[in-house]
Amino acid sequence: MDTMETIMTRRSIRKFKDTPLSEEKIWKYLEAANMAPTASNRQPWNFIVIQREKLENLQELLEASFKERLEDMGEEDYQNYKERLEKMPIPGEADQIKNMQSFFRTLGNAPVAILVYVDEPDSEQRGFLDVQDAAAAIENLILAAWADGVGSCWMCGPLVKKGDALKKIFNITDKRLIALIPLGYPETFPVKTPPKDDVKDKTRGLP
């Protein structure tokens, strides 16, 4: 794919084939991530590659992260969240809440996931920049994978409630988790793009 085709066709994948990803491909995508723009060339990103066997051991923790998130929602927030999910192509049954809960638990049976983190910042400015740098690295990673026929889903939800637990599991207690990215060959492919606002409504300075 060319660059625009990759960007315009990429979709969040939530169900993966059990086909393993080779180390060569994983390194390829990490190399792409490592080429992201970064303030003052600090390159704050770090990656942990989590194989399927380890992901199996995290299932209860990941599912609990979703349940606790729902429990903390008020009725209005819950209904808004439910309405957004109804518009998303999440594989499973009719109940999209249950489908999303299942996805959190299994990560769509992805053969591998990438945990992205940075050092705890020593200042508000440093933290502001590091999150942007890490996000740029993640975007590079998922686009490089997509151009190769490999799907992903950029996840922050599991870190909201279980970030501290994950840091302990991976012995990175002095770090800031940014995202968890399942990777694999898509089992199902969402044909329709989720609703996007018109970019013209978000832009000033052009006719």
Protein backbone atom coordinates (compact mmCIF):
# COMPACT_ATOMS: atom_id res chain seq x y z
CA MET A 1 0.00 0.00 0.00
CA ASP A 2 1.04 3.59 -0.47
CA THR A 3 0.94 5.89 2.54
CA MET A 4 -2.53 7.35 2.01
CA GLU A 5 -4.06 3.97 1.26
CA THR A 6 -2.61 2.59 4.47
CA ILE A 7 -3.95 5.48 6.50
CA MET A 8 -7.41 5.50 4.89
CA THR A 9 -8.00 1.74 5.01
CA ARG A 10 -6.62 0.95 8.48
CA ARG A 11 -9.21 -0.34 10.92
CA SER A 12 -9.09 -1.40 14.55
CA ILE A 13 -9.12 -5.20 14.58
CA ARG A 14 -10.74 -7.05 17.48
CA LYS A 15 -10.60 -10.65 16.29
CA PHE A 16 -7.40 -12.26 15.07
CA LYS A 17 -6.34 -15.51 13.45
CA ASP A 18 -4.17 -17.80 15.53
CA THR A 19 -1.41 -17.51 12.90
CA PRO A 20 1.76 -16.50 14.77
CA LEU A 21 3.71 -13.38 13.90
CA SER A 22 7.36 -13.98 13.11
CA GLU A 23 10.03 -12.24 15.15
CA GLU A 24 11.20 -10.68 11.90
CA LYS A 25 7.86 -8.95 11.38
CA ILE A 26 7.60 -7.81 14.99
CA TRP A 27 11.06 -6.27 14.78
CA LYS A 28 10.06 -4.60 11.52
CA TYR A 29 7.13 -2.86 13.16
CA LEU A 30 9.18 -1.89 16.20
CA GLU A 31 11.81 -0.40 13.90
CA ALA A 32 9.07 1.67 12.29
CA ALA A 33 7.94 2.82 15.74
CA ASN A 34 11.50 3.74 16.61
CA MET A 35 11.67 6.10 13.61
CA ALA A 36 8.89 8.34 14.94
CA PRO A 37 9.46 12.06 15.46
CA THR A 38 10.47 12.90 19.00
CA ALA A 39 11.12 16.14 20.89
CA SER A 40 14.86 16.86 21.12
CA ASN A 41 15.41 13.30 19.86
CA ARG A 42 14.84 11.93 23.37
CA GLN A 43 13.08 8.78 22.08
CA PRO A 44 11.33 8.08 25.40
CA TRP A 45 9.40 5.02 24.20
CA ASN A 46 10.00 1.49 25.42
CA PHE A 47 8.27 -1.73 24.36
CA ILE A 48 7.47 -5.07 25.93
CA VAL A 49 6.47 -7.86 23.53
CA ILE A 50 3.91 -10.12 25.21
CA GLN A 51 3.37 -13.50 23.59
CA ARG A 52 0.04 -15.37 23.59
CA GLU A 53 1.02 -17.68 26.45
CA LYS A 54 1.58 -14.70 28.74
CA LEU A 55 -1.58 -12.97 27.50
CA GLU A 56 -3.58 -16.03 28.57
CA ASN A 57 -2.37 -15.41 32.13
CA LEU A 58 -3.55 -11.79 31.97
CA GLN A 59 -7.13 -12.52 30.92
CA GLU A 60 -8.82 -12.16 34.31
CA LEU A 61 -6.94 -8.93 34.99
CA LEU A 62 -7.84 -7.46 31.61
CA GLU A 63 -11.50 -8.40 31.95
CA ALA A 64 -11.61 -6.89 35.44
CA SER A 65 -10.26 -3.64 34.02
CA PHE A 66 -13.29 -3.42 31.76
CA LYS A 67 -15.81 -4.30 34.48
CA GLU A 68 -14.37 -1.75 36.90
CA ARG A 69 -14.49 0.90 34.22
CA LEU A 70 -18.20 0.24 33.69
CA GLU A 71 -18.86 0.28 37.43
CA ASP A 72 -17.38 3.75 37.72
CA MET A 73 -19.65 5.18 35.02
CA GLY A 74 -22.74 7.09 35.89
CA GLU A 75 -25.94 6.23 34.06
CA GLU A 76 -25.53 9.00 31.48
CA ASP A 77 -21.91 8.09 30.73
CA TYR A 78 -22.85 4.42 30.47
CA GLN A 79 -25.62 5.12 27.97
CA ASN A 80 -23.33 7.35 25.90
CA TYR A 81 -20.66 4.65 25.90
CA LYS A 82 -23.19 2.01 24.93
CA GLU A 83 -24.44 4.16 22.03
CA ARG A 84 -20.89 4.61 20.74
CA LEU A 85 -20.25 0.88 20.91
CA GLU A 86 -23.41 0.19 18.91
CA LYS A 87 -21.83 2.05 15.98
CA MET A 88 -18.58 0.09 16.15
CA PRO A 89 -17.89 -3.17 14.28
CA ILE A 90 -17.04 -5.35 17.29
CA PRO A 91 -17.22 -9.08 16.47
CA GLY A 92 -19.58 -11.20 18.54
CA GLU A 93 -23.23 -11.29 19.51
CA ALA A 94 -25.83 -8.51 19.49
CA ASP A 95 -24.79 -7.15 22.90
CA GLN A 96 -21.84 -4.86 22.18
CA ILE A 97 -21.04 -4.39 25.86
CA LYS A 98 -20.49 -8.13 26.21
CA ASN A 99 -18.52 -8.19 22.98
CA MET A 100 -16.20 -5.47 24.23
CA GLN A 101 -15.82 -7.22 27.57
CA SER A 102 -14.83 -10.40 25.75
CA PHE A 103 -12.34 -8.47 23.65
CA PHE A 104 -10.71 -6.97 26.73
CA ARG A 105 -10.36 -10.45 28.19
CA THR A 106 -8.90 -12.18 25.15
CA LEU A 107 -7.55 -9.25 23.10
CA GLY A 108 -9.27 -10.98 20.20
CA ASN A 109 -6.90 -13.96 20.63
CA ALA A 110 -4.07 -11.91 19.16
CA PRO A 111 -0.85 -13.92 19.01
CA VAL A 112 1.12 -11.03 20.49
CA ALA A 113 0.63 -7.64 22.12
CA ILE A 114 2.98 -4.70 22.58
CA LEU A 115 2.99 -2.80 25.86
CA VAL A 116 4.30 0.74 25.36
CA TYR A 117 5.70 2.80 28.22
CA VAL A 118 7.92 5.78 29.06
CA ASP A 119 9.81 6.84 32.18
CA GLU A 120 7.87 8.72 34.81
CA PRO A 121 8.44 12.36 33.86
CA ASP A 122 10.45 14.70 36.05
CA SER A 123 8.31 17.67 35.01
CA GLU A 124 4.88 18.46 33.59
CA GLN A 125 6.49 19.60 30.33
CA ARG A 126 8.47 16.39 30.00
CA GLY A 127 5.35 14.32 30.55
CA PHE A 128 3.46 16.35 27.96
CA LEU A 129 6.15 15.73 25.35
CA ASP A 130 6.78 12.06 26.16
CA VAL A 131 3.14 11.08 25.67
CA GLN A 132 3.11 12.72 22.25
CA ASP A 133 6.37 11.03 21.26
CA ALA A 134 5.09 7.63 22.35
CA ALA A 135 1.81 8.18 20.49
CA ALA A 136 3.76 8.98 17.31
CA ALA A 137 5.72 5.75 17.73
CA ILE A 138 2.49 3.77 18.18
CA GLU A 139 0.98 5.27 15.04
CA ASN A 140 4.09 4.32 13.07
CA LEU A 141 3.88 0.79 14.44
CA ILE A 142 0.22 0.17 13.61
CA LEU A 143 0.49 1.70 10.14
CA ALA A 144 3.59 -0.35 9.29
CA ALA A 145 1.76 -3.46 10.46
CA TRP A 146 -1.38 -2.62 8.45
CA ALA A 147 0.64 -2.06 5.28
CA ASP A 148 1.89 -5.63 5.84
CA GLY A 149 -1.60 -7.10 6.29
CA VAL A 150 -1.32 -7.22 10.09
CA GLY A 151 -4.07 -5.73 12.22
CA SER A 152 -3.95 -4.02 15.58
CA CYS A 153 -6.04 -2.18 18.13
CA TRP A 154 -4.70 0.81 20.03
CA MET A 155 -5.87 0.17 23.61
CA CYS A 156 -5.60 2.41 26.64
CA GLY A 157 -8.66 1.12 28.50
CA PRO A 158 -6.91 -1.75 30.35
CA LEU A 159 -4.36 0.69 31.73
CA VAL A 160 -6.94 2.96 33.34
CA LYS A 161 -7.88 0.53 36.11
CA LYS A 162 -5.13 -2.08 35.99
CA GLY A 163 -2.10 -0.07 34.97
CA ASP A 164 -0.42 -0.42 38.37
CA ALA A 165 -1.02 -4.17 38.38
CA LEU A 166 0.47 -4.52 34.90
CA LYS A 167 3.51 -2.49 35.92
CA LYS A 168 4.12 -4.85 38.81
CA ILE A 169 3.73 -7.92 36.61
CA PHE A 170 6.32 -6.61 34.16
CA ASN A 171 8.56 -5.07 36.81
CA ILE A 172 8.29 -1.52 35.50
CA THR A 173 6.84 0.17 38.59
CA ASP A 174 8.67 3.46 37.96
CA LYS A 175 7.25 3.87 34.44
CA ARG A 176 4.19 5.41 32.81
CA LEU A 177 2.17 3.04 30.65
CA ILE A 178 0.91 4.53 27.39
CA ALA A 179 -0.92 1.77 25.50
CA LEU A 180 -1.41 -1.94 24.94
CA ILE A 181 -1.44 -2.96 21.26
CA PRO A 182 -2.64 -6.45 20.23
CA LEU A 183 -1.22 -7.49 16.85
CA GLY A 184 -2.12 -10.26 14.44
CA TYR A 185 -3.64 -11.25 11.14
CA PRO A 186 -7.32 -10.19 11.04
CA GLU A 187 -9.94 -12.92 11.40
CA THR A 188 -12.71 -10.45 10.67
CA PHE A 189 -12.38 -7.17 8.82
CA PRO A 190 -14.70 -4.22 9.50
CA VAL A 191 -15.79 -3.03 6.06
CA LYS A 192 -17.38 0.23 7.14
CA THR A 193 -15.41 3.03 8.73
CA PRO A 194 -16.79 4.03 12.15
CA PRO A 195 -18.53 7.41 11.98
CA LYS A 196 -16.06 10.26 11.54
CA ASP A 197 -16.83 13.95 11.91
CA ASP A 198 -16.31 16.14 8.86
CA VAL A 199 -12.78 17.49 9.13
CA LYS A 200 -14.04 20.81 7.76
CA ASP A 201 -16.02 21.28 10.97
CA LYS A 202 -12.77 20.94 12.93
CA THR A 203 -10.58 23.18 10.80
CA ARG A 204 -10.08 26.93 10.58
CA GLY A 205 -8.03 28.92 8.09
CA LEU A 206 -9.21 27.34 4.83
CA PRO A 207 -12.23 28.26 2.70
